[in-house]
C-alpha atoms as a PDB file:
ATOM      1  CA  MET A   1     -75.660  -7.637  21.092  1.00  0.00           C
ATOM      2  CA  ARG A   2     -78.222  -5.180  22.337  1.00  0.00           C
ATOM      3  CA  ILE A   3     -77.120  -1.627  23.108  1.00  0.00           C
ATOM      4  CA  SER A   4     -80.215   0.383  24.540  1.00  0.00           C
ATOM      5  CA  VAL A   5     -80.600   3.014  28.322  1.00  0.00           C
ATOM      6  CA  VAL A   6     -82.193   1.172  31.063  1.00  0.00           C
ATOM      7  CA  ARG A   7     -83.762   2.597  34.193  1.00  0.00           C
ATOM      8  CA  SER A   8     -82.301  -0.248  36.143  1.00  0.00           C
ATOM      9  CA  TRP A   9     -80.319  -3.059  35.987  1.00  0.00           C
ATOM     10  CA  ARG A  10     -78.762  -6.312  38.184  1.00  0.00           C
ATOM     11  CA  ARG A  11     -76.489  -4.640  41.137  1.00  0.00           C
ATOM     12  CA  GLU A  12     -73.997  -7.931  40.560  1.00  0.00           C
ATOM     13  CA  ASP A  13     -72.957  -6.944  36.445  1.00  0.00           C
ATOM     14  CA  ILE A  14     -72.562  -2.804  37.212  1.00  0.00           C
ATOM     15  CA  ILE A  15     -70.521  -3.686  39.857  1.00  0.00           C
ATOM     16  CA  GLU A  16     -68.750  -5.811  37.906  1.00  0.00           C
ATOM     17  CA  LEU A  17     -68.068  -3.635  35.070  1.00  0.00           C
ATOM     18  CA  TYR A  18     -66.801  -0.870  37.670  1.00  0.00           C
ATOM     19  CA  LYS A  19     -64.502  -3.105  39.518  1.00  0.00           C
ATOM     20  CA  SER A  20     -62.908  -3.634  35.371  1.00  0.00           C
ATOM     21  CA  GLY A  21     -62.371   0.148  35.441  1.00  0.00           C
ATOM     22  CA  GLY A  22     -61.112   0.526  38.930  1.00  0.00           C
ATOM     23  CA  TRP A  23     -63.531   2.456  40.777  1.00  0.00           C
ATOM     24  CA  TRP A  24     -65.528   0.476  42.672  1.00  0.00           C
ATOM     25  CA  GLU A  25     -64.445   0.592  46.399  1.00  0.00           C
ATOM     26  CA  GLU A  26     -64.963  -2.678  48.085  1.00  0.00           C
ATOM     27  CA  GLY A  27     -67.158  -1.846  50.711  1.00  0.00           C
ATOM     28  CA  THR A  28     -69.421   0.460  48.624  1.00  0.00           C
ATOM     29  CA  PRO A  29     -72.964  -0.471  49.366  1.00  0.00           C
ATOM     30  CA  ALA A  30     -74.440  -1.980  46.378  1.00  0.00           C
ATOM     31  CA  GLU A  31     -78.324  -0.623  46.634  1.00  0.00           C
ATOM     32  CA  LEU A  32     -75.762   2.734  44.919  1.00  0.00           C
ATOM     33  CA  VAL A  33     -76.042   1.138  42.201  1.00  0.00           C
ATOM     34  CA  ASP A  34     -79.639   1.868  41.737  1.00  0.00           C
ATOM     35  CA  ARG A  35     -78.880   5.758  42.433  1.00  0.00           C
ATOM     36  CA  ILE A  36     -76.755   5.861  40.189  1.00  0.00           C
ATOM     37  CA  ILE A  37     -78.721   4.218  37.694  1.00  0.00           C
ATOM     38  CA  LYS A  38     -81.864   6.895  38.609  1.00  0.00           C
ATOM     39  CA  GLY A  39     -79.724   9.556  38.955  1.00  0.00           C
ATOM     40  CA  SER A  40     -78.598   9.952  35.450  1.00  0.00           C
ATOM     41  CA  PHE A  41     -79.584  11.256  32.009  1.00  0.00           C
ATOM     42  CA  LEU A  42     -78.723   8.307  30.252  1.00  0.00           C
ATOM     43  CA  PHE A  43     -77.248   5.525  31.228  1.00  0.00           C
ATOM     44  CA  VAL A  44     -76.281   2.820  28.475  1.00  0.00           C
ATOM     45  CA  VAL A  45     -76.500  -0.947  28.929  1.00  0.00           C
ATOM     46  CA  ALA A  46     -74.368  -2.951  26.101  1.00  0.00           C
ATOM     47  CA  GLU A  47     -75.531  -6.694  27.237  1.00  0.00           C
ATOM     48  CA  GLU A  48     -74.811 -10.194  25.418  1.00  0.00           C
ATOM     49  CA  ASN A  49     -77.671 -13.158  26.408  1.00  0.00           C
ATOM     50  CA  GLY A  50     -78.879 -11.080  28.542  1.00  0.00           C
ATOM     51  CA  ARG A  51     -75.457  -9.870  30.793  1.00  0.00           C
ATOM     52  CA  ALA A  52     -74.321  -6.180  30.849  1.00  0.00           C
ATOM     53  CA  VAL A  53     -71.103  -6.669  28.903  1.00  0.00           C
ATOM     54  CA  GLY A  54     -70.302  -2.308  28.648  1.00  0.00           C
ATOM     55  CA  MET A  55     -71.577   0.618  29.507  1.00  0.00           C
ATOM     56  CA  ALA A  56     -72.096   4.563  29.704  1.00  0.00           C
ATOM     57  CA  ARG A  57     -74.011   6.555  31.623  1.00  0.00           C
ATOM     58  CA  VAL A  58     -74.313  10.677  30.478  1.00  0.00           C
ATOM     59  CA  LEU A  59     -74.869  13.172  32.913  1.00  0.00           C
ATOM     60  CA  SER A  60     -76.492  16.760  31.257  1.00  0.00           C
ATOM     61  CA  ASP A  61     -79.149  18.999  32.309  1.00  0.00           C
ATOM     62  CA  GLY A  62     -80.782  17.584  29.244  1.00  0.00           C
ATOM     63  CA  VAL A  63     -80.660  20.616  27.736  1.00  0.00           C
ATOM     64  CA  SER A  64     -77.161  22.273  26.444  1.00  0.00           C
ATOM     65  CA  ASP A  65     -74.527  20.350  27.510  1.00  0.00           C
ATOM     66  CA  ALA A  66     -73.757  16.670  28.511  1.00  0.00           C
ATOM     67  CA  TYR A  67     -70.567  14.304  30.407  1.00  0.00           C
ATOM     68  CA  ILE A  68     -69.773  10.835  29.488  1.00  0.00           C
ATOM     69  CA  GLN A  69     -68.310   8.746  32.596  1.00  0.00           C
ATOM     70  CA  ASP A  70     -68.102   5.648  33.742  1.00  0.00           C
ATOM     71  CA  PHE A  71     -67.632   4.574  30.253  1.00  0.00           C
ATOM     72  CA  VAL A  72     -65.914   0.771  30.609  1.00  0.00           C
ATOM     73  CA  VAL A  73     -66.625  -2.415  28.307  1.00  0.00           C
ATOM     74  CA  HIS A  74     -65.699  -5.855  30.401  1.00  0.00           C
ATOM     75  CA  PRO A  75     -62.366  -7.049  29.029  1.00  0.00           C
ATOM     76  CA  SER A  76     -62.704  -9.949  27.586  1.00  0.00           C
ATOM     77  CA  TYR A  77     -65.160  -8.174  25.333  1.00  0.00           C
ATOM     78  CA  ARG A  78     -62.807  -5.622  24.619  1.00  0.00           C
ATOM     79  CA  GLY A  79     -61.762  -5.391  21.449  1.00  0.00           C
ATOM     80  CA  LYS A  80     -65.166  -6.199  20.038  1.00  0.00           C
ATOM     81  CA  GLY A  81     -66.111  -2.646  18.453  1.00  0.00           C
ATOM     82  CA  ILE A  82     -68.421  -2.142  21.771  1.00  0.00           C
ATOM     83  CA  GLY A  83     -66.811   0.798  22.827  1.00  0.00           C
ATOM     84  CA  ARG A  84     -67.222   2.586  19.335  1.00  0.00           C
ATOM     85  CA  GLU A  85     -71.104   0.941  19.834  1.00  0.00           C
ATOM     86  CA  ILE A  86     -72.227   1.945  22.864  1.00  0.00           C
ATOM     87  CA  LEU A  87     -70.538   5.928  22.565  1.00  0.00           C
ATOM     88  CA  ARG A  88     -71.936   6.157  18.431  1.00  0.00           C
ATOM     89  CA  TYR A  89     -75.000   5.007  20.141  1.00  0.00           C
ATOM     90  CA  ILE A  90     -75.163   7.717  23.318  1.00  0.00           C
ATOM     91  CA  LEU A  91     -73.628  10.428  20.674  1.00  0.00           C
ATOM     92  CA  GLY A  92     -77.236   9.831  18.477  1.00  0.00           C
ATOM     93  CA  GLU A  93     -79.265   9.501  21.311  1.00  0.00           C
ATOM     94  CA  LEU A  94     -78.317  13.088  22.579  1.00  0.00           C
ATOM     95  CA  LYS A  95     -77.657  14.526  19.033  1.00  0.00           C
ATOM     96  CA  LYS A  96     -81.691  13.547  18.916  1.00  0.00           C
ATOM     97  CA  ARG A  97     -82.845  15.659  21.780  1.00  0.00           C
ATOM     98  CA  GLY A  98     -80.592  18.606  20.521  1.00  0.00           C
ATOM     99  CA  ILE A  99     -77.369  18.225  22.973  1.00  0.00           C
ATOM    100  CA  THR A 100     -74.146  19.026  20.782  1.00  0.00           C
ATOM    101  CA  TRP A 101     -71.558  20.273  23.860  1.00  0.00           C
ATOM    102  CA  ILE A 102     -70.818  17.117  24.627  1.00  0.00           C
ATOM    103  CA  GLY A 103     -67.360  16.323  27.563  1.00  0.00           C
ATOM    104  CA  LEU A 104     -65.540  13.471  28.879  1.00  0.00           C
ATOM    105  CA  ILE A 105     -62.157  12.937  30.622  1.00  0.00           C
ATOM    106  CA  ALA A 106     -60.283  10.078  28.451  1.00  0.00           C
ATOM    107  CA  GLN A 107     -58.016   8.345  30.780  1.00  0.00           C
ATOM    108  CA  PRO A 108     -54.916   7.404  29.586  1.00  0.00           C
ATOM    109  CA  GLY A 109     -53.787   5.487  26.078  1.00  0.00           C
ATOM    110  CA  THR A 110     -58.137   5.911  25.202  1.00  0.00           C
ATOM    111  CA  MET A 111     -57.241   9.741  23.009  1.00  0.00           C
ATOM    112  CA  ASP A 112     -57.270   8.032  19.682  1.00  0.00           C
ATOM    113  CA  PHE A 113     -60.050   5.917  20.246  1.00  0.00           C
ATOM    114  CA  TYR A 114     -62.312   9.320  21.131  1.00  0.00           C
ATOM    115  CA  ARG A 115     -60.711  11.003  18.073  1.00  0.00           C
ATOM    116  CA  LYS A 116     -61.528   9.149  15.697  1.00  0.00           C
ATOM    117  CA  GLU A 117     -65.735   9.573  17.044  1.00  0.00           C
ATOM    118  CA  GLY A 118     -65.154  13.761  16.989  1.00  0.00           C
ATOM    119  CA  PHE A 119     -63.620  14.871  19.922  1.00  0.00           C
ATOM    120  CA  ALA A 120     -61.104  17.292  20.261  1.00  0.00           C
ATOM    121  CA  ILE A 121     -58.626  18.089  23.275  1.00  0.00           C
ATOM    122  CA  MET A 122     -59.797  21.345  24.880  1.00  0.00           C
ATOM    123  CA  GLU A 123     -57.110  23.545  24.226  1.00  0.00           C
ATOM    124  CA  GLY A 124     -56.398  26.168  27.413  1.00  0.00           C
ATOM    125  CA  HIS A 125     -58.849  23.687  29.974  1.00  0.00           C
ATOM    126  CA  THR A 126     -57.647  21.616  32.501  1.00  0.00           C
ATOM    127  CA  PRO A 127     -59.459  18.700  34.032  1.00  0.00           C
ATOM    128  CA  MET A 128     -60.302  19.132  37.531  1.00  0.00           C
ATOM    129  CA  ARG A 129     -61.469  17.047  40.799  1.00  0.00           C
ATOM    130  CA  TYR A 130     -62.532  18.119  43.945  1.00  0.00           C
ATOM    131  CA  MET A 131     -59.929  16.418  46.755  1.00  0.00           C
ATOM    132  CA  GLY A 132     -61.308  18.854  49.556  1.00  0.00           C
ATOM    133  CA  GLY A 133     -59.893  20.971  51.423  1.00  0.00           C
ATOM    134  CA  GLU A 134     -60.482  23.590  53.905  1.00  0.00           C
ATOM    135  CA  ASP A 135     -64.333  23.088  55.234  1.00  0.00           C
ATOM    136  CA  VAL A 136     -67.448  25.200  53.395  1.00  0.00           C
END
């Protein structure tokens, strides 16, 4: 297995990973994958035999803060340490660039995984998402 930062990847592999995470809506144009990868500060793929079996992307200004997003390992590859390797790879890449404020939103049931890698709950903070509202 190899982990690397990529600037492009086969759309089908990435869409399959997004679907396995429950994050890809039917009818979404496949071309969106190219824009997601290119628009990310880092887009990391774990590949085995040329197929993406895990991925994560990082959003950042490249200077002070970074957010890990869309982190998923294909269900048939989970429990093999691939997620840990992807996360450690990302942390190493960010630290090399001097970025040490690294955040993410953990899905239910994943907090222990992240805690073991040095993440902690930000007391007094609540993650929020824009869900629409009055026109601006």
